[in-house]
Amino acid sequence: MSGRAGGRAVKDPARTVAFHVLLAVSNDGAYANLELSRQLRSKNLNSRDAGFATELVYGSIRLQGSYDAIIAECAARPVPQLDAGVLVLLRMGAHQLLSMDVPDHAAVATTVDLARAVVGHRPAGFINAVLRRTSERDLDGWIRELAPIADRVGELSLRYSHPRWLVEEFHRALSDWQETEEFLDANNRPAPVTLVARPGRSTVDELVAVGATRTDFSTLGATLAQGDPGQVAAVVEGRAGVQDEGSQLVALALASVPIDGADASWLDLCAGPGGKAALLGAIGAQRGARLTAVELQPHRSALVAHAVGESVEVVTADGTDARWATSSFDRVLIDAPCTGAGALRRRPDARWRRQPADLESLQSLQESLLMGGLSAVRPGGVVAYATCSPILSETRDVLARVLKQRPEVVSLDAREWFPGVPALGQGPDVQLWTHRQGTDAMYCALLQRTS
């Protein structure tokens, strides 16, 4: 089956799809997962070609920092001076040469053939020369050649293909170079597909029966080693969902904290795209509790409504709006917008999309949402503040500033409601780490309003 690129037929549909996805990510700021899904649907690739295209896309993005340093050396010019299409092709070729089980001659020849179709004959000759030089060393050899001397951050940034600022932030949070390196390495390993059985609608046994394996810590989770989750009946029917184990644990922790008095009104203040809301809604329905799920963006609100079903009230509104400061909700979740730095193994393009300047605006929003959540919960109720990020300015720093302004709020020891999960640190909050627990690097603080 042939694809099309640049007006010419290309008999390499997998590489053609990968090229167009990567170019859309580079030029248009497209999200790799969404663009890849769209391209795969439109081109109707077989499973083998789809798998190859997927690895080529995610691998090229994941190791982009390392590849760009190698490309700059082999091309004898800075990467920003290269045409966008040429750079995408060089990254694709480098990934095949240095990280995939593709013979060198095939990696070079197929990339050059594609280049002739999509960028022209003259750039194809340049790409051929650069890739041939790239093939002279393996990836470790290039890292040893190019790594800066006496610069631990720079060396780790190059070796594990993370922006320097993220390496610095992860080390600040971990305070240990060995662990920082282990986390960076874990970010470069593909994440498993983890399913959640929504209580009252599905069971883990049902998921195990179709080939999944029970997760280590979540009592509702199962990992799908192979196959498409979209082919699992419980997922198709909305009785189960795709949800990282760390995300499941945060929702379970909020639902597990005992509270005195009424426990019938729950609130998710920033619910999109709906995974935690669907799980909390299912748990609440079994207890006679009703969840209200709030999401600002209409398209994300629609995703929430699709995920949660009829047991949850979905409201398109601003979670920072004073309308929620009713002191009437028994349990409140603030899964705050963040850099997503805890899920880089799932969304590798986020490491290049986010910048240090994003932290300031995100902190302001995170604090506003947490303040709003604490005003929404009744005395005696509990609030979970969560982010999919281990960056301190999005986690403990936000919490510390808010608690200074809210003396009536106490921080609970969240470790108590993460039973069986090892290496949770000093508390009272919980920071999960991919290299420690095998989950996304989720953060969770549990807070109780005393008056």
Protein backbone atom coordinates (compact mmCIF):
# COMPACT_ATOMS: atom_id res chain seq x y z
CA MET A 1 0.00 0.00 0.00
CA SER A 2 1.46 3.38 -0.93
CA GLY A 3 1.20 6.67 0.86
CA ARG A 4 1.57 10.10 -0.70
CA ALA A 5 4.02 12.87 0.14
CA GLY A 6 4.92 16.01 -1.76
CA GLY A 7 2.69 14.96 -4.64
CA ARG A 8 4.64 11.76 -5.36
CA ALA A 9 3.73 8.19 -4.50
CA VAL A 10 5.85 6.75 -1.71
CA LYS A 11 5.83 2.99 -1.16
CA ASP A 12 6.71 3.32 2.50
CA PRO A 13 3.50 4.19 4.34
CA ALA A 14 4.93 3.83 7.86
CA ARG A 15 7.81 6.27 7.34
CA THR A 16 5.57 8.62 5.36
CA VAL A 17 3.06 8.80 8.21
CA ALA A 18 5.85 9.32 10.75
CA PHE A 19 7.29 12.16 8.67
CA HIS A 20 3.98 14.03 8.44
CA VAL A 21 3.23 13.56 12.14
CA LEU A 22 6.67 14.81 13.18
CA LEU A 23 6.47 17.75 10.78
CA ALA A 24 3.07 18.74 12.21
CA VAL A 25 4.49 18.56 15.73
CA SER A 26 7.51 20.65 14.73
CA ASN A 27 5.82 23.25 12.53
CA ASP A 28 2.28 23.49 13.87
CA GLY A 29 2.64 22.55 17.54
CA ALA A 30 0.43 19.48 17.02
CA TYR A 31 0.20 16.96 19.84
CA ALA A 32 2.02 13.80 18.79
CA ASN A 33 -0.54 11.36 20.20
CA LEU A 34 -3.51 13.10 18.56
CA GLU A 35 -1.82 13.68 15.22
CA LEU A 36 -0.48 10.13 15.06
CA SER A 37 -3.90 8.70 15.84
CA ARG A 38 -5.46 10.85 13.11
CA GLN A 39 -2.85 9.86 10.52
CA LEU A 40 -3.06 6.17 11.34
CA ARG A 41 -6.84 6.22 10.96
CA SER A 42 -6.72 8.10 7.66
CA LYS A 43 -4.02 5.91 6.09
CA ASN A 44 -5.41 2.59 7.37
CA LEU A 45 -1.98 1.07 8.05
CA ASN A 46 -1.69 -2.58 8.96
CA SER A 47 -0.62 -3.41 12.51
CA ARG A 48 3.05 -3.90 11.61
CA ASP A 49 3.34 -0.58 9.78
CA ALA A 50 1.35 1.21 12.49
CA GLY A 51 3.71 -0.15 15.15
CA PHE A 52 6.77 0.93 13.15
CA ALA A 53 5.36 4.43 12.58
CA THR A 54 4.48 4.75 16.26
CA GLU A 55 8.00 3.83 17.40
CA LEU A 56 9.51 6.16 14.82
CA VAL A 57 7.38 9.09 15.97
CA TYR A 58 7.73 8.64 19.71
CA GLY A 59 11.36 7.57 19.57
CA SER A 60 12.38 10.50 17.40
CA ILE A 61 10.66 12.93 19.77
CA ARG A 62 11.81 11.21 22.96
CA LEU A 63 15.50 11.29 21.99
CA GLN A 64 15.33 14.52 20.02
CA GLY A 65 17.80 16.30 22.28
CA SER A 66 20.45 13.63 21.84
CA TYR A 67 19.84 13.32 18.10
CA ASP A 68 19.99 17.07 17.52
CA ALA A 69 23.43 17.25 19.12
CA ILE A 70 24.64 14.41 16.90
CA ILE A 71 23.04 15.91 13.79
CA ALA A 72 24.65 19.28 14.46
CA GLU A 73 28.06 17.59 14.73
CA CYS A 74 27.59 15.51 11.58
CA ALA A 75 26.08 18.34 9.55
CA ALA A 76 28.67 20.86 10.75
CA ARG A 77 25.98 23.45 11.28
CA PRO A 78 23.56 24.39 14.09
CA VAL A 79 20.24 22.58 14.04
CA PRO A 80 18.16 25.82 13.90
CA GLN A 81 19.72 26.54 10.50
CA LEU A 82 18.28 23.35 8.98
CA ASP A 83 15.02 23.29 7.07
CA ALA A 84 12.22 21.83 9.21
CA GLY A 85 11.52 18.94 6.85
CA VAL A 86 15.20 18.09 6.54
CA LEU A 87 15.61 18.11 10.30
CA VAL A 88 12.61 15.80 10.76
CA LEU A 89 14.08 13.34 8.24
CA LEU A 90 17.48 13.45 9.95
CA ARG A 91 15.90 12.74 13.33
CA MET A 92 13.98 9.83 11.82
CA GLY A 93 17.12 8.46 10.22
CA ALA A 94 19.13 8.90 13.41
CA HIS A 95 16.53 7.02 15.42
CA GLN A 96 16.60 4.09 13.00
CA LEU A 97 20.41 4.04 12.97
CA LEU A 98 21.00 4.49 16.69
CA SER A 99 17.99 3.05 18.52
CA MET A 100 16.04 0.68 16.26
CA ASP A 101 16.75 -2.75 14.87
CA VAL A 102 17.07 -1.44 11.32
CA PRO A 103 20.23 -2.25 9.30
CA ASP A 104 22.32 0.86 8.60
CA HIS A 105 22.03 0.61 4.82
CA ALA A 106 18.24 0.27 5.05
CA ALA A 107 17.89 3.16 7.51
CA VAL A 108 19.89 5.47 5.23
CA ALA A 109 18.41 4.32 1.92
CA THR A 110 14.76 4.47 3.01
CA THR A 111 15.20 7.90 4.60
CA VAL A 112 16.90 9.25 1.48
CA ASP A 113 14.17 7.79 -0.74
CA LEU A 114 11.53 9.49 1.37
CA ALA A 115 13.53 12.72 1.33
CA ARG A 116 13.54 12.80 -2.47
CA ALA A 117 9.75 12.68 -2.42
CA VAL A 118 9.06 15.17 0.36
CA VAL A 119 11.93 17.70 0.27
CA GLY A 120 13.63 17.14 -3.10
CA HIS A 121 16.78 15.63 -4.60
CA ARG A 122 19.31 18.23 -3.46
CA PRO A 123 18.40 18.05 0.27
CA ALA A 124 18.29 14.26 -0.10
CA GLY A 125 21.98 14.24 -0.97
CA PHE A 126 22.76 16.29 2.14
CA ILE A 127 20.66 13.93 4.29
CA ASN A 128 22.49 10.95 2.83
CA ALA A 129 25.87 12.42 3.78
CA VAL A 130 24.81 13.37 7.31
CA LEU A 131 23.27 9.97 8.04
CA ARG A 132 26.29 8.11 6.72
CA ARG A 133 28.45 10.03 9.15
CA THR A 134 25.91 9.41 11.92
CA SER A 135 26.26 5.67 11.33
CA GLU A 136 29.98 5.77 12.16
CA ARG A 137 29.27 5.46 15.91
CA ASP A 138 26.56 3.93 18.07
CA LEU A 139 24.52 6.12 20.39
CA ASP A 140 26.74 5.59 23.44
CA GLY A 141 29.77 6.39 21.32
CA TRP A 142 28.27 9.68 20.22
CA ILE A 143 27.27 10.58 23.79
CA ARG A 144 30.83 9.95 24.99
CA GLU A 145 32.15 12.06 22.12
CA LEU A 146 29.84 15.01 22.65
CA ALA A 147 29.14 15.07 26.41
CA PRO A 148 30.38 18.22 28.15
CA ILE A 149 33.19 17.79 30.65
CA ALA A 150 32.60 18.60 34.35
CA ASP A 151 28.95 19.47 33.74
CA ARG A 152 26.70 16.83 35.28
CA VAL A 153 23.47 18.58 34.24
CA GLY A 154 24.69 19.02 30.68
CA GLU A 155 25.84 15.41 30.44
CA LEU A 156 22.53 14.04 31.72
CA SER A 157 20.61 16.42 29.48
CA LEU A 158 22.46 15.07 26.44
CA ARG A 159 22.47 11.42 27.45
CA TYR A 160 18.78 11.22 28.37
CA SER A 161 17.46 13.87 25.98
CA HIS A 162 15.80 16.24 28.44
CA PRO A 163 16.02 20.04 28.43
CA ARG A 164 18.58 21.27 30.92
CA TRP A 165 15.99 23.08 33.03
CA LEU A 166 14.01 19.87 33.58
CA VAL A 167 17.12 18.00 34.68
CA GLU A 168 17.74 20.76 37.21
CA GLU A 169 14.14 20.67 38.46
CA PHE A 170 14.14 16.88 38.85
CA HIS A 171 17.41 17.00 40.77
CA ARG A 172 16.00 19.73 43.01
CA ALA A 173 13.07 17.46 43.85
CA LEU A 174 15.10 14.26 44.31
CA SER A 175 18.31 15.74 45.84
CA ASP A 176 20.26 12.76 44.50
CA TRP A 177 22.12 12.48 41.19
CA GLN A 178 21.76 8.70 40.92
CA GLU A 179 17.99 8.88 41.37
CA THR A 180 17.77 11.80 38.97
CA GLU A 181 19.49 9.69 36.33
CA GLU A 182 17.19 6.74 37.04
CA PHE A 183 14.12 8.94 36.63
CA LEU A 184 15.41 10.43 33.37
CA ASP A 185 16.07 6.92 32.07
CA ALA A 186 12.57 5.80 33.10
CA ASN A 187 11.08 8.70 31.14
CA ASN A 188 12.64 7.28 27.98
CA ARG A 189 11.00 3.87 28.34
CA PRO A 190 7.55 3.37 26.80
CA ALA A 191 4.75 3.34 29.36
CA PRO A 192 2.50 0.31 29.78
CA VAL A 193 -1.18 0.51 28.95
CA THR A 194 -2.95 0.50 32.32
CA LEU A 195 -6.67 -0.06 32.65
CA VAL A 196 -9.01 0.75 35.52
CA ALA A 197 -12.15 -1.21 36.38
CA ARG A 198 -14.78 1.32 37.44
CA PRO A 199 -16.52 -0.02 40.57
CA GLY A 200 -20.05 -1.25 40.09
CA ARG A 201 -19.52 -1.35 36.33
CA SER A 202 -16.57 -3.67 35.80
CA THR A 203 -14.08 -5.75 37.80
CA VAL A 204 -10.38 -6.43 37.64
CA ASP A 205 -11.26 -10.08 37.09
CA GLU A 206 -13.02 -9.10 33.86
CA LEU A 207 -9.89 -7.28 32.67
CA VAL A 208 -7.63 -10.18 33.66
CA ALA A 209 -9.87 -12.51 31.68
CA VAL A 210 -8.93 -10.67 28.46
CA GLY A 211 -5.20 -10.90 29.14
CA ALA A 212 -4.42 -8.03 31.50
CA THR A 213 -2.31 -8.39 34.66
CA ARG A 214 -3.26 -6.92 38.04
CA THR A 215 -1.36 -3.78 38.98
CA ASP A 216 0.93 -3.81 42.00
CA PHE A 217 -0.80 -1.12 44.08
CA SER A 218 -4.20 -0.09 42.74
CA THR A 219 -6.93 -2.57 43.64
CA LEU A 220 -8.82 -1.50 40.53
CA GLY A 221 -6.00 -1.59 37.97
CA ALA A 222 -4.69 -4.02 35.38
CA THR A 223 -1.88 -3.70 32.85
CA LEU A 224 -2.45 -4.72 29.24
CA ALA A 225 0.82 -6.19 27.97
CA GLN A 226 -0.28 -6.31 24.36
CA GLY A 227 -3.27 -5.56 22.22
CA ASP A 228 -5.42 -2.49 21.69
CA PRO A 229 -7.42 -1.28 24.72
CA GLY A 230 -10.01 -0.10 22.22
CA GLN A 231 -10.76 -3.77 21.59
CA VAL A 232 -11.53 -4.51 25.26
CA ALA A 233 -15.30 -4.69 25.68
CA ALA A 234 -15.34 -3.05 29.11
CA VAL A 235 -13.36 -0.08 27.75
CA VAL A 236 -15.50 0.26 24.64
CA GLU A 237 -18.63 0.25 26.81
CA GLY A 238 -17.22 2.80 29.29
CA ARG A 239 -17.29 0.37 32.21
CA ALA A 240 -13.49 0.49 32.36
CA GLY A 241 -10.98 3.05 31.16
CA VAL A 242 -7.35 3.65 30.32
CA GLN A 243 -5.78 5.31 33.36
CA ASP A 244 -2.26 5.27 34.81
CA GLU A 245 -1.95 3.50 38.14
CA GLY A 246 -0.68 6.65 39.84
CA SER A 247 -3.76 8.54 38.75
CA GLN A 248 -5.94 5.74 40.09
CA LEU A 249 -4.14 5.87 43.44
CA VAL A 250 -4.81 9.61 43.82
CA ALA A 251 -8.54 9.15 43.27
CA LEU A 252 -8.65 6.14 45.60
CA ALA A 253 -6.79 8.08 48.31
CA LEU A 254 -9.28 10.96 48.23
CA ALA A 255 -12.18 8.52 48.41
CA SER A 256 -10.61 6.56 51.29
CA VAL A 257 -10.08 9.31 53.89
CA PRO A 258 -12.72 8.87 56.63
CA ILE A 259 -14.79 11.97 57.38
CA ASP A 260 -17.45 12.66 59.97
CA GLY A 261 -20.99 13.51 58.99
CA ALA A 262 -22.43 13.77 55.51
CA ASP A 263 -20.55 12.29 52.58
CA ALA A 264 -22.90 12.76 49.65
CA SER A 265 -21.58 15.74 47.69
CA TRP A 266 -18.25 15.50 45.84
CA LEU A 267 -16.54 18.00 43.53
CA ASP A 268 -13.85 17.75 40.84
CA LEU A 269 -12.80 21.33 40.09
CA CYS A 270 -10.75 20.70 36.92
CA ALA A 271 -12.05 17.43 35.58
CA GLY A 272 -10.85 17.24 31.97
CA PRO A 273 -10.35 14.89 30.25
CA GLY A 274 -12.31 12.86 32.79
CA GLY A 275 -10.34 9.84 33.99
CA LYS A 276 -10.33 10.65 37.69
CA ALA A 277 -13.87 12.02 37.50
CA ALA A 278 -15.12 8.76 35.99
CA LEU A 279 -13.45 6.74 38.74
CA LEU A 280 -14.63 9.02 41.56
CA GLY A 281 -18.11 9.12 40.08
CA ALA A 282 -18.30 5.32 40.06
CA ILE A 283 -17.00 5.07 43.64
CA GLY A 284 -19.39 7.77 44.80
CA ALA A 285 -22.38 6.17 43.11
CA GLN A 286 -21.83 3.01 45.14
CA ARG A 287 -21.93 5.08 48.34
CA GLY A 288 -24.85 7.29 47.43
CA ALA A 289 -22.60 10.29 46.71
CA ARG A 290 -23.00 12.57 43.70
CA LEU A 291 -19.97 14.04 41.92
CA THR A 292 -20.02 17.41 40.19
CA ALA A 293 -17.30 17.62 37.54
CA VAL A 294 -16.21 21.13 36.50
CA GLU A 295 -14.21 21.82 33.34
CA LEU A 296 -13.49 25.20 31.78
CA GLN A 297 -12.86 24.21 28.15
CA PRO A 298 -16.01 23.11 26.27
CA HIS A 299 -14.22 20.44 24.21
CA ARG A 300 -12.66 18.96 27.35
CA SER A 301 -16.00 19.20 29.13
CA ALA A 302 -17.45 17.07 26.34
CA LEU A 303 -14.70 14.50 26.92
CA VAL A 304 -15.60 14.43 30.61
CA ALA A 305 -19.26 13.90 29.86
CA HIS A 306 -18.39 11.03 27.53
CA ALA A 307 -16.16 9.40 30.17
CA VAL A 308 -18.35 9.70 33.27
CA GLY A 309 -21.80 8.67 32.11
CA GLU A 310 -25.05 9.74 33.77
CA SER A 311 -23.96 9.34 37.39
CA VAL A 312 -21.93 12.57 37.32
CA GLU A 313 -23.11 16.14 36.78
CA VAL A 314 -20.76 17.84 34.29
CA VAL A 315 -20.56 21.64 34.36
CA THR A 316 -18.65 23.78 31.87
CA ALA A 317 -17.31 26.53 34.11
CA ASP A 318 -14.21 28.09 35.65
CA GLY A 319 -12.96 26.16 38.67
CA THR A 320 -11.57 29.37 40.17
CA ASP A 321 -14.97 31.10 40.07
CA ALA A 322 -16.39 32.23 43.42
CA ARG A 323 -19.61 30.31 42.71
CA TRP A 324 -17.94 27.16 44.06
CA ALA A 325 -16.96 28.76 47.40
CA THR A 326 -19.99 27.28 49.13
CA SER A 327 -18.33 25.35 51.98
CA SER A 328 -20.77 22.56 51.15
CA PHE A 329 -18.82 19.77 49.42
CA ASP A 330 -17.63 16.76 51.39
CA ARG A 331 -14.75 15.77 49.11
CA VAL A 332 -12.98 17.96 46.55
CA LEU A 333 -10.37 17.04 43.95
CA ILE A 334 -8.07 19.64 42.41
CA ASP A 335 -6.12 17.84 39.68
CA ALA A 336 -4.46 21.06 38.66
CA PRO A 337 -3.18 21.96 35.19
CA CYS A 338 0.60 21.57 35.21
CA THR A 339 3.64 21.01 33.01
CA GLY A 340 2.90 17.29 32.77
CA ALA A 341 6.53 16.63 33.65
CA GLY A 342 5.52 13.48 35.51
CA ALA A 343 4.21 11.78 32.36
CA LEU A 344 7.01 12.40 29.86
CA ARG A 345 7.19 8.70 29.03
CA ARG A 346 3.61 8.95 27.71
CA ARG A 347 3.85 12.42 26.16
CA PRO A 348 7.48 12.89 25.16
CA ASP A 349 6.73 16.05 23.15
CA ALA A 350 5.81 17.81 26.42
CA ARG A 351 9.48 18.01 27.38
CA TRP A 352 10.14 20.21 24.33
CA ARG A 353 6.80 22.05 24.41
CA ARG A 354 7.06 23.35 27.97
CA GLN A 355 9.44 26.15 28.99
CA PRO A 356 10.60 27.43 32.42
CA ALA A 357 8.50 30.55 31.87
CA ASP A 358 5.37 28.39 31.98
CA LEU A 359 5.90 27.68 35.67
CA GLU A 360 4.96 31.15 36.87
CA SER A 361 1.57 31.27 35.15
CA LEU A 362 0.83 27.69 36.13
CA GLN A 363 1.67 28.40 39.79
CA SER A 364 -0.79 31.28 39.88
CA LEU A 365 -3.55 29.06 38.46
CA GLN A 366 -2.66 26.17 40.76
CA GLU A 367 -2.84 28.39 43.84
CA SER A 368 -6.16 29.89 42.74
CA LEU A 369 -7.66 26.44 42.19
CA LEU A 370 -6.42 25.15 45.53
CA MET A 371 -7.74 28.21 47.36
CA GLY A 372 -11.06 27.71 45.60
CA GLY A 373 -11.18 24.03 46.51
CA LEU A 374 -10.54 24.81 50.17
CA SER A 375 -13.41 27.31 50.08
CA ALA A 376 -15.67 24.76 48.42
CA VAL A 377 -15.17 22.01 51.01
CA ARG A 378 -17.17 22.02 54.24
CA PRO A 379 -15.52 21.96 57.67
CA GLY A 380 -14.47 18.37 58.27
CA GLY A 381 -14.32 17.63 54.55
CA VAL A 382 -11.20 16.64 52.64
CA VAL A 383 -9.42 18.11 49.62
CA ALA A 384 -6.89 16.36 47.37
CA TYR A 385 -4.42 18.59 45.54
CA ALA A 386 -2.76 16.65 42.72
CA THR A 387 -0.49 17.32 39.77
CA CYS A 388 1.12 15.07 37.20
CA SER A 389 4.45 16.73 37.94
CA PRO A 390 7.24 16.30 40.48
CA ILE A 391 8.47 19.89 40.04
CA LEU A 392 8.52 21.49 43.49
CA SER A 393 7.19 24.84 42.29
CA GLU A 394 4.02 22.98 41.17
CA THR A 395 3.71 20.80 44.25
CA ARG A 396 5.10 21.57 47.68
CA ASP A 397 5.80 25.23 46.95
CA VAL A 398 2.15 25.82 45.96
CA LEU A 399 0.95 23.91 49.00
CA ALA A 400 3.20 25.86 51.39
CA ARG A 401 2.04 29.25 50.11
CA VAL A 402 -1.63 28.34 50.30
CA LEU A 403 -1.41 26.83 53.78
CA LYS A 404 0.14 30.06 55.07
CA GLN A 405 -3.06 31.82 54.02
CA ARG A 406 -5.44 29.16 55.35
CA PRO A 407 -4.70 28.47 59.03
CA GLU A 408 -7.93 26.48 59.36
CA VAL A 409 -6.57 23.80 57.00
CA VAL A 410 -4.39 20.89 58.13
CA SER A 411 -2.29 18.63 55.96
CA LEU A 412 -3.07 14.94 56.50
CA ASP A 413 -0.47 12.21 56.19
CA ALA A 414 -1.40 11.07 52.69
CA ARG A 415 0.87 8.01 52.94
CA GLU A 416 -1.78 6.32 55.07
CA TRP A 417 -4.11 6.18 52.07
CA PHE A 418 -1.53 4.78 49.65
CA PRO A 419 -1.41 1.33 51.28
CA GLY A 420 1.32 -1.04 50.12
CA VAL A 421 3.08 1.61 48.04
CA PRO A 422 6.80 1.69 48.92
CA ALA A 423 9.31 4.56 49.05
CA LEU A 424 6.83 7.35 49.76
CA GLY A 425 9.33 9.52 51.61
CA GLN A 426 8.85 11.65 54.72
CA GLY A 427 5.29 12.78 54.07
CA PRO A 428 2.81 14.18 54.82
CA ASP A 429 2.32 14.57 51.06
CA VAL A 430 3.06 11.85 48.51
CA GLN A 431 5.26 12.06 45.45
CA LEU A 432 5.20 9.03 43.21
CA TRP A 433 8.13 8.42 40.86
CA THR A 434 8.33 6.36 37.70
CA HIS A 435 11.67 4.79 38.66
CA ARG A 436 10.44 3.93 42.17
CA GLN A 437 6.85 2.80 41.81
CA GLY A 438 6.53 2.34 38.03
CA THR A 439 3.69 4.89 37.81
CA ASP A 440 3.58 8.36 36.34
CA ALA A 441 5.21 10.84 38.72
CA MET A 442 1.95 11.97 40.38
CA TYR A 443 1.89 14.28 43.39
CA CYS A 444 -0.87 14.21 46.01
CA ALA A 445 -1.52 16.22 49.16
CA LEU A 446 -4.60 15.55 51.31
CA LEU A 447 -5.98 18.49 53.26
CA GLN A 448 -8.77 18.80 55.81
CA ARG A 449 -10.63 21.95 56.69
CA THR A 450 -11.07 22.12 60.46
CA SER A 451 -13.38 25.12 60.78
